[in-house]
């Protein structure tokens, strides 16, 4: 799942163990590969993630260095991008894992709005 989609888009029914991955397409930590120095990564092919610039192009060596640079500065991204996860983006994932039934969409949205108001850093609470 990402911050904009994935809820309810499983290709198979749940098994006994439920696992959901939440990742942002702009997260350099998730997509860093040493092989991207010489081979185009799969995530750069086809439709790009919702928070990746449509202008993205892969170049040997250059793209690798850009990814490495992004890894060094990824903490400066706004919440909801890169490796800075927004608390309200977890709700759909938790609802899938916990098999929440019967919550009206308005209640889910109200919970997300409430979580958006919380400080981003735990030290600020």
N, C-alpha and C. Protein backbone atom coordinates (compact mmCIF):
# COMPACT_ATOMS: atom_id res chain seq x y z
N UNK A 1 0.84 -1.17 0.00
CA UNK A 1 0.00 0.00 0.00
C UNK A 1 0.89 1.23 0.00
N UNK A 2 0.38 2.29 -0.56
CA UNK A 2 1.06 3.57 -0.44
C UNK A 2 0.08 4.58 0.14
N UNK A 3 0.48 5.83 0.18
CA UNK A 3 -0.34 6.84 0.83
C UNK A 3 -1.64 7.14 0.08
N UNK A 4 -1.78 6.64 -1.12
CA UNK A 4 -2.97 6.96 -1.90
C UNK A 4 -3.77 5.76 -2.37
N UNK A 5 -3.20 4.56 -2.29
CA UNK A 5 -3.94 3.41 -2.81
C UNK A 5 -3.46 2.11 -2.20
N UNK A 6 -4.19 1.08 -2.52
CA UNK A 6 -3.83 -0.26 -2.07
C UNK A 6 -4.86 -0.90 -1.18
N UNK A 7 -5.69 -0.10 -0.51
CA UNK A 7 -6.70 -0.62 0.39
C UNK A 7 -7.68 -1.50 -0.37
N UNK A 8 -7.80 -2.74 0.05
CA UNK A 8 -8.76 -3.65 -0.58
C UNK A 8 -8.36 -4.14 -1.95
N UNK A 9 -7.09 -3.98 -2.34
CA UNK A 9 -6.66 -4.39 -3.68
C UNK A 9 -5.81 -5.65 -3.65
N UNK A 10 -6.19 -6.60 -2.82
CA UNK A 10 -5.44 -7.86 -2.74
C UNK A 10 -5.76 -8.73 -3.95
N UNK A 11 -4.77 -9.49 -4.41
CA UNK A 11 -5.01 -10.40 -5.52
C UNK A 11 -5.48 -11.76 -5.02
N UNK A 12 -5.28 -12.05 -3.72
CA UNK A 12 -5.70 -13.33 -3.13
C UNK A 12 -6.37 -13.06 -1.79
N UNK A 13 -7.13 -14.04 -1.33
CA UNK A 13 -7.77 -13.92 -0.01
C UNK A 13 -6.70 -13.99 1.08
N UNK A 14 -7.00 -13.38 2.22
CA UNK A 14 -6.08 -13.44 3.36
C UNK A 14 -5.89 -14.88 3.81
N UNK A 15 -4.69 -15.19 4.27
CA UNK A 15 -4.40 -16.47 4.91
C UNK A 15 -4.49 -16.31 6.42
N UNK A 16 -3.87 -17.22 7.15
CA UNK A 16 -3.91 -17.15 8.62
C UNK A 16 -3.10 -15.99 9.16
N UNK A 17 -2.04 -15.62 8.45
CA UNK A 17 -1.19 -14.52 8.87
C UNK A 17 -1.40 -13.36 7.90
N UNK A 18 -1.58 -12.17 8.47
CA UNK A 18 -1.83 -10.99 7.65
C UNK A 18 -0.65 -10.02 7.77
N UNK A 19 -0.12 -9.63 6.64
CA UNK A 19 0.98 -8.67 6.61
C UNK A 19 0.66 -7.63 5.53
N UNK A 20 0.82 -6.37 5.89
CA UNK A 20 0.64 -5.29 4.93
C UNK A 20 1.91 -4.45 4.95
N UNK A 21 2.41 -4.10 3.79
CA UNK A 21 3.56 -3.22 3.67
C UNK A 21 3.07 -1.84 3.27
N UNK A 22 3.49 -0.84 4.01
CA UNK A 22 3.20 0.53 3.64
C UNK A 22 4.51 1.15 3.20
N UNK A 23 4.57 1.59 1.97
CA UNK A 23 5.79 2.22 1.49
C UNK A 23 5.44 3.35 0.54
N UNK A 24 6.27 4.34 0.53
CA UNK A 24 6.11 5.46 -0.38
C UNK A 24 7.07 5.26 -1.55
N UNK A 25 6.58 5.52 -2.74
CA UNK A 25 7.41 5.35 -3.93
C UNK A 25 8.62 6.28 -3.93
N UNK A 26 8.54 7.37 -3.17
CA UNK A 26 9.65 8.33 -3.11
C UNK A 26 10.63 8.02 -1.98
N UNK A 27 10.54 6.84 -1.37
CA UNK A 27 11.40 6.48 -0.25
C UNK A 27 12.71 5.87 -0.75
N UNK A 28 13.82 6.60 -0.66
CA UNK A 28 15.09 6.08 -1.17
C UNK A 28 15.58 4.88 -0.37
N UNK A 29 15.21 4.78 0.89
CA UNK A 29 15.65 3.66 1.73
C UNK A 29 15.05 2.36 1.20
N UNK A 30 13.79 2.41 0.83
CA UNK A 30 13.09 1.22 0.35
C UNK A 30 13.62 0.74 -0.99
N UNK A 31 13.96 1.66 -1.86
CA UNK A 31 14.27 1.28 -3.23
C UNK A 31 15.76 1.34 -3.59
N UNK A 32 16.61 1.60 -2.63
CA UNK A 32 18.04 1.67 -2.93
C UNK A 32 18.58 0.27 -3.25
N UNK A 33 19.29 0.17 -4.34
CA UNK A 33 19.95 -1.07 -4.75
C UNK A 33 21.33 -0.72 -5.29
N UNK A 34 22.34 -1.44 -4.87
CA UNK A 34 23.68 -1.19 -5.40
C UNK A 34 23.73 -1.45 -6.90
N UNK A 35 22.90 -2.38 -7.38
CA UNK A 35 22.91 -2.70 -8.81
C UNK A 35 22.38 -1.55 -9.67
N UNK A 36 21.72 -0.56 -9.06
CA UNK A 36 21.21 0.56 -9.87
C UNK A 36 22.33 1.42 -10.43
N UNK A 37 23.56 1.14 -10.05
CA UNK A 37 24.70 1.85 -10.64
C UNK A 37 24.85 1.47 -12.12
N UNK A 38 24.43 0.23 -12.47
CA UNK A 38 24.59 -0.23 -13.86
C UNK A 38 23.32 -0.80 -14.48
N UNK A 39 22.27 -1.06 -13.64
CA UNK A 39 21.04 -1.66 -14.16
C UNK A 39 19.83 -0.85 -13.72
N UNK A 40 18.94 -0.58 -14.64
CA UNK A 40 17.74 0.20 -14.35
C UNK A 40 16.84 -0.58 -13.39
N UNK A 41 16.48 0.03 -12.25
CA UNK A 41 15.62 -0.66 -11.28
C UNK A 41 14.20 -0.84 -11.81
N UNK A 42 13.55 -1.91 -11.39
CA UNK A 42 12.19 -2.19 -11.84
C UNK A 42 11.22 -1.06 -11.49
N UNK A 43 11.42 -0.41 -10.34
CA UNK A 43 10.47 0.62 -9.90
C UNK A 43 10.48 1.86 -10.80
N UNK A 44 11.44 1.96 -11.71
CA UNK A 44 11.48 3.10 -12.64
C UNK A 44 10.81 2.77 -13.97
N UNK A 45 10.30 1.57 -14.10
CA UNK A 45 9.64 1.14 -15.34
C UNK A 45 8.11 1.24 -15.16
N UNK A 46 7.42 1.49 -16.23
CA UNK A 46 5.96 1.52 -16.18
C UNK A 46 5.46 2.75 -15.43
N UNK A 47 4.30 2.59 -14.81
CA UNK A 47 3.69 3.70 -14.09
C UNK A 47 4.45 3.97 -12.80
N UNK A 48 4.87 5.21 -12.63
CA UNK A 48 5.62 5.59 -11.43
C UNK A 48 4.67 5.81 -10.26
N UNK A 49 5.20 5.71 -9.05
CA UNK A 49 4.39 5.93 -7.86
C UNK A 49 3.82 7.34 -7.81
N UNK A 50 2.78 7.56 -6.99
CA UNK A 50 2.09 8.85 -6.96
C UNK A 50 2.95 10.02 -6.48
N UNK A 51 4.03 9.74 -5.75
CA UNK A 51 4.86 10.83 -5.25
C UNK A 51 6.24 10.88 -5.92
N UNK A 52 6.32 10.27 -7.10
CA UNK A 52 7.56 10.30 -7.89
C UNK A 52 7.32 11.19 -9.10
N UNK A 53 8.25 12.07 -9.36
CA UNK A 53 8.11 13.00 -10.48
C UNK A 53 7.98 12.24 -11.80
N UNK A 54 7.03 12.64 -12.65
CA UNK A 54 6.92 12.01 -13.97
C UNK A 54 8.14 12.30 -14.85
N UNK A 55 8.96 13.24 -14.43
CA UNK A 55 10.18 13.59 -15.17
C UNK A 55 11.35 12.67 -14.83
N UNK A 56 11.16 11.73 -13.93
CA UNK A 56 12.24 10.83 -13.51
C UNK A 56 12.78 10.04 -14.70
N UNK A 57 14.08 10.02 -14.84
CA UNK A 57 14.76 9.21 -15.85
C UNK A 57 15.92 8.51 -15.17
N UNK A 58 16.23 7.31 -15.65
CA UNK A 58 17.36 6.57 -15.08
C UNK A 58 18.57 6.71 -15.99
N UNK A 59 19.71 6.99 -15.37
CA UNK A 59 20.99 7.05 -16.08
C UNK A 59 22.01 6.26 -15.26
N UNK A 60 22.79 5.40 -15.93
CA UNK A 60 23.80 4.65 -15.18
C UNK A 60 24.70 5.60 -14.39
N UNK A 61 25.10 5.20 -13.25
CA UNK A 61 25.98 5.92 -12.32
C UNK A 61 25.29 7.16 -11.75
N UNK A 62 24.77 8.04 -12.60
CA UNK A 62 24.15 9.30 -12.15
C UNK A 62 22.96 9.02 -11.23
N UNK A 63 22.06 8.14 -11.65
CA UNK A 63 20.87 7.84 -10.84
C UNK A 63 21.27 7.17 -9.52
N UNK A 64 22.28 6.32 -9.57
CA UNK A 64 22.79 5.70 -8.35
C UNK A 64 23.27 6.76 -7.37
N UNK A 65 24.04 7.71 -7.86
CA UNK A 65 24.56 8.78 -6.99
C UNK A 65 23.42 9.64 -6.45
N UNK A 66 22.40 9.88 -7.25
CA UNK A 66 21.25 10.64 -6.77
C UNK A 66 20.52 9.88 -5.66
N UNK A 67 20.33 8.59 -5.84
CA UNK A 67 19.69 7.78 -4.79
C UNK A 67 20.52 7.79 -3.51
N UNK A 68 21.82 7.66 -3.67
CA UNK A 68 22.70 7.68 -2.50
C UNK A 68 22.61 9.03 -1.79
N UNK A 69 22.56 10.11 -2.56
CA UNK A 69 22.40 11.44 -1.97
C UNK A 69 21.06 11.59 -1.27
N UNK A 70 20.01 11.05 -1.87
CA UNK A 70 18.69 11.09 -1.24
C UNK A 70 18.70 10.34 0.09
N UNK A 71 19.44 9.24 0.15
CA UNK A 71 19.51 8.47 1.40
C UNK A 71 20.17 9.30 2.50
N UNK A 72 21.11 10.14 2.12
CA UNK A 72 21.81 10.96 3.12
C UNK A 72 20.94 12.10 3.63
N UNK A 73 19.93 12.49 2.88
CA UNK A 73 19.11 13.64 3.27
C UNK A 73 17.63 13.32 3.40
N UNK A 74 17.28 12.03 3.46
CA UNK A 74 15.87 11.65 3.43
C UNK A 74 15.07 12.13 4.64
N UNK A 75 15.71 12.54 5.71
CA UNK A 75 14.98 12.99 6.89
C UNK A 75 14.41 14.39 6.71
N UNK A 76 14.75 15.07 5.64
CA UNK A 76 14.26 16.42 5.41
C UNK A 76 13.00 16.46 4.53
N UNK A 77 12.42 15.32 4.24
CA UNK A 77 11.23 15.30 3.40
C UNK A 77 9.99 15.63 4.23
N UNK A 78 8.98 16.20 3.59
CA UNK A 78 7.74 16.48 4.33
C UNK A 78 7.05 15.18 4.72
N UNK A 79 6.26 15.23 5.76
CA UNK A 79 5.52 14.05 6.22
C UNK A 79 4.63 13.56 5.09
N UNK A 80 4.68 12.25 4.86
CA UNK A 80 3.89 11.65 3.79
C UNK A 80 4.66 11.40 2.52
N UNK A 81 5.98 11.67 2.56
CA UNK A 81 6.85 11.46 1.40
C UNK A 81 8.17 10.87 1.88
N UNK A 82 8.89 10.24 0.95
CA UNK A 82 10.20 9.69 1.30
C UNK A 82 10.09 8.67 2.42
N UNK A 83 10.91 8.83 3.44
CA UNK A 83 10.92 7.89 4.58
C UNK A 83 10.24 8.52 5.80
N UNK A 84 9.42 9.54 5.58
CA UNK A 84 8.72 10.24 6.65
C UNK A 84 7.23 9.91 6.57
N UNK A 85 6.84 8.85 7.28
CA UNK A 85 5.49 8.32 7.17
C UNK A 85 4.49 9.14 7.98
N UNK A 86 3.33 9.37 7.39
CA UNK A 86 2.25 10.09 8.04
C UNK A 86 1.37 9.10 8.81
N UNK A 87 1.08 9.40 10.05
CA UNK A 87 0.31 8.50 10.90
C UNK A 87 -1.04 8.13 10.27
N UNK A 88 -1.71 9.08 9.68
CA UNK A 88 -3.03 8.80 9.12
C UNK A 88 -2.98 7.84 7.93
N UNK A 89 -1.82 7.68 7.31
CA UNK A 89 -1.70 6.74 6.20
C UNK A 89 -1.68 5.28 6.66
N UNK A 90 -1.50 5.06 7.95
CA UNK A 90 -1.48 3.70 8.48
C UNK A 90 -2.88 3.13 8.68
N UNK A 91 -3.88 3.95 8.74
CA UNK A 91 -5.22 3.50 9.11
C UNK A 91 -5.74 2.41 8.17
N UNK A 92 -5.69 2.63 6.86
CA UNK A 92 -6.19 1.62 5.92
C UNK A 92 -5.43 0.31 6.06
N UNK A 93 -4.11 0.41 6.25
CA UNK A 93 -3.31 -0.80 6.42
C UNK A 93 -3.73 -1.56 7.69
N UNK A 94 -3.89 -0.84 8.79
CA UNK A 94 -4.30 -1.50 10.04
C UNK A 94 -5.70 -2.09 9.92
N UNK A 95 -6.58 -1.43 9.21
CA UNK A 95 -7.92 -1.97 9.03
C UNK A 95 -7.89 -3.28 8.24
N UNK A 96 -6.99 -3.37 7.26
CA UNK A 96 -6.84 -4.61 6.50
C UNK A 96 -6.29 -5.73 7.39
N UNK A 97 -5.23 -5.43 8.13
CA UNK A 97 -4.59 -6.44 8.97
C UNK A 97 -5.53 -6.92 10.07
N UNK A 98 -6.25 -5.99 10.70
CA UNK A 98 -7.12 -6.33 11.83
C UNK A 98 -8.51 -6.79 11.38
N UNK A 99 -8.76 -6.77 10.06
CA UNK A 99 -10.04 -7.18 9.50
C UNK A 99 -11.20 -6.41 10.15
N UNK A 100 -11.05 -5.11 10.20
CA UNK A 100 -12.08 -4.24 10.78
C UNK A 100 -13.32 -4.28 9.88
N UNK A 101 -14.44 -4.55 10.47
CA UNK A 101 -15.70 -4.64 9.74
C UNK A 101 -16.70 -3.62 10.30
N UNK A 102 -17.48 -3.04 9.44
CA UNK A 102 -18.60 -2.23 9.87
C UNK A 102 -18.31 -0.79 10.25
N UNK A 103 -17.08 -0.32 10.08
CA UNK A 103 -16.82 1.09 10.38
C UNK A 103 -17.31 1.92 9.22
N UNK A 104 -18.18 2.87 9.46
CA UNK A 104 -18.64 3.73 8.37
C UNK A 104 -17.48 4.57 7.83
N UNK A 105 -17.44 4.84 6.53
CA UNK A 105 -16.36 5.64 5.95
C UNK A 105 -16.17 6.99 6.65
N UNK A 106 -17.28 7.59 7.12
CA UNK A 106 -17.17 8.89 7.80
C UNK A 106 -16.35 8.77 9.09
N UNK A 107 -16.53 7.66 9.79
CA UNK A 107 -15.78 7.45 11.03
C UNK A 107 -14.29 7.25 10.76
N UNK A 108 -13.99 6.52 9.69
CA UNK A 108 -12.59 6.30 9.31
C UNK A 108 -11.95 7.65 8.95
N UNK A 109 -12.64 8.45 8.17
CA UNK A 109 -12.11 9.77 7.78
C UNK A 109 -11.93 10.67 9.00
N UNK A 110 -12.86 10.60 9.95
CA UNK A 110 -12.74 11.40 11.17
C UNK A 110 -11.50 11.01 11.95
N UNK A 111 -11.22 9.70 12.04
CA UNK A 111 -10.01 9.22 12.72
C UNK A 111 -8.76 9.72 12.00
N UNK A 112 -8.75 9.67 10.67
CA UNK A 112 -7.59 10.14 9.91
C UNK A 112 -7.36 11.64 10.14
N UNK A 113 -8.43 12.41 10.13
CA UNK A 113 -8.30 13.86 10.38
C UNK A 113 -7.75 14.13 11.77
N UNK A 114 -8.21 13.36 12.74
CA UNK A 114 -7.70 13.51 14.11
C UNK A 114 -6.20 13.22 14.17
N UNK A 115 -5.78 12.14 13.53
CA UNK A 115 -4.36 11.77 13.54
C UNK A 115 -3.51 12.79 12.80
N UNK A 116 -4.05 13.41 11.77
CA UNK A 116 -3.30 14.44 11.04
C UNK A 116 -2.96 15.63 11.93
N UNK A 117 -3.76 15.86 12.94
CA UNK A 117 -3.55 17.00 13.83
C UNK A 117 -2.46 16.74 14.87
N UNK A 118 -2.09 15.48 15.07
CA UNK A 118 -1.07 15.15 16.06
C UNK A 118 0.30 15.60 15.59
N UNK A 119 1.21 15.93 16.52
CA UNK A 119 2.57 16.31 16.12
C UNK A 119 3.26 15.17 15.39
N UNK A 120 4.09 15.52 14.42
CA UNK A 120 4.80 14.52 13.63
C UNK A 120 5.88 13.81 14.44
N UNK A 121 6.51 14.51 15.34
CA UNK A 121 7.61 13.96 16.13
C UNK A 121 7.11 13.52 17.50
N UNK A 122 7.42 12.28 17.92
CA UNK A 122 6.99 11.82 19.24
C UNK A 122 7.47 12.73 20.38
N UNK A 123 8.60 13.37 20.20
CA UNK A 123 9.14 14.23 21.27
C UNK A 123 8.28 15.48 21.47
N UNK A 124 7.42 15.78 20.49
CA UNK A 124 6.58 16.98 20.60
C UNK A 124 5.28 16.69 21.36
N UNK A 125 4.99 15.43 21.62
CA UNK A 125 3.73 15.06 22.28
C UNK A 125 3.82 15.38 23.76
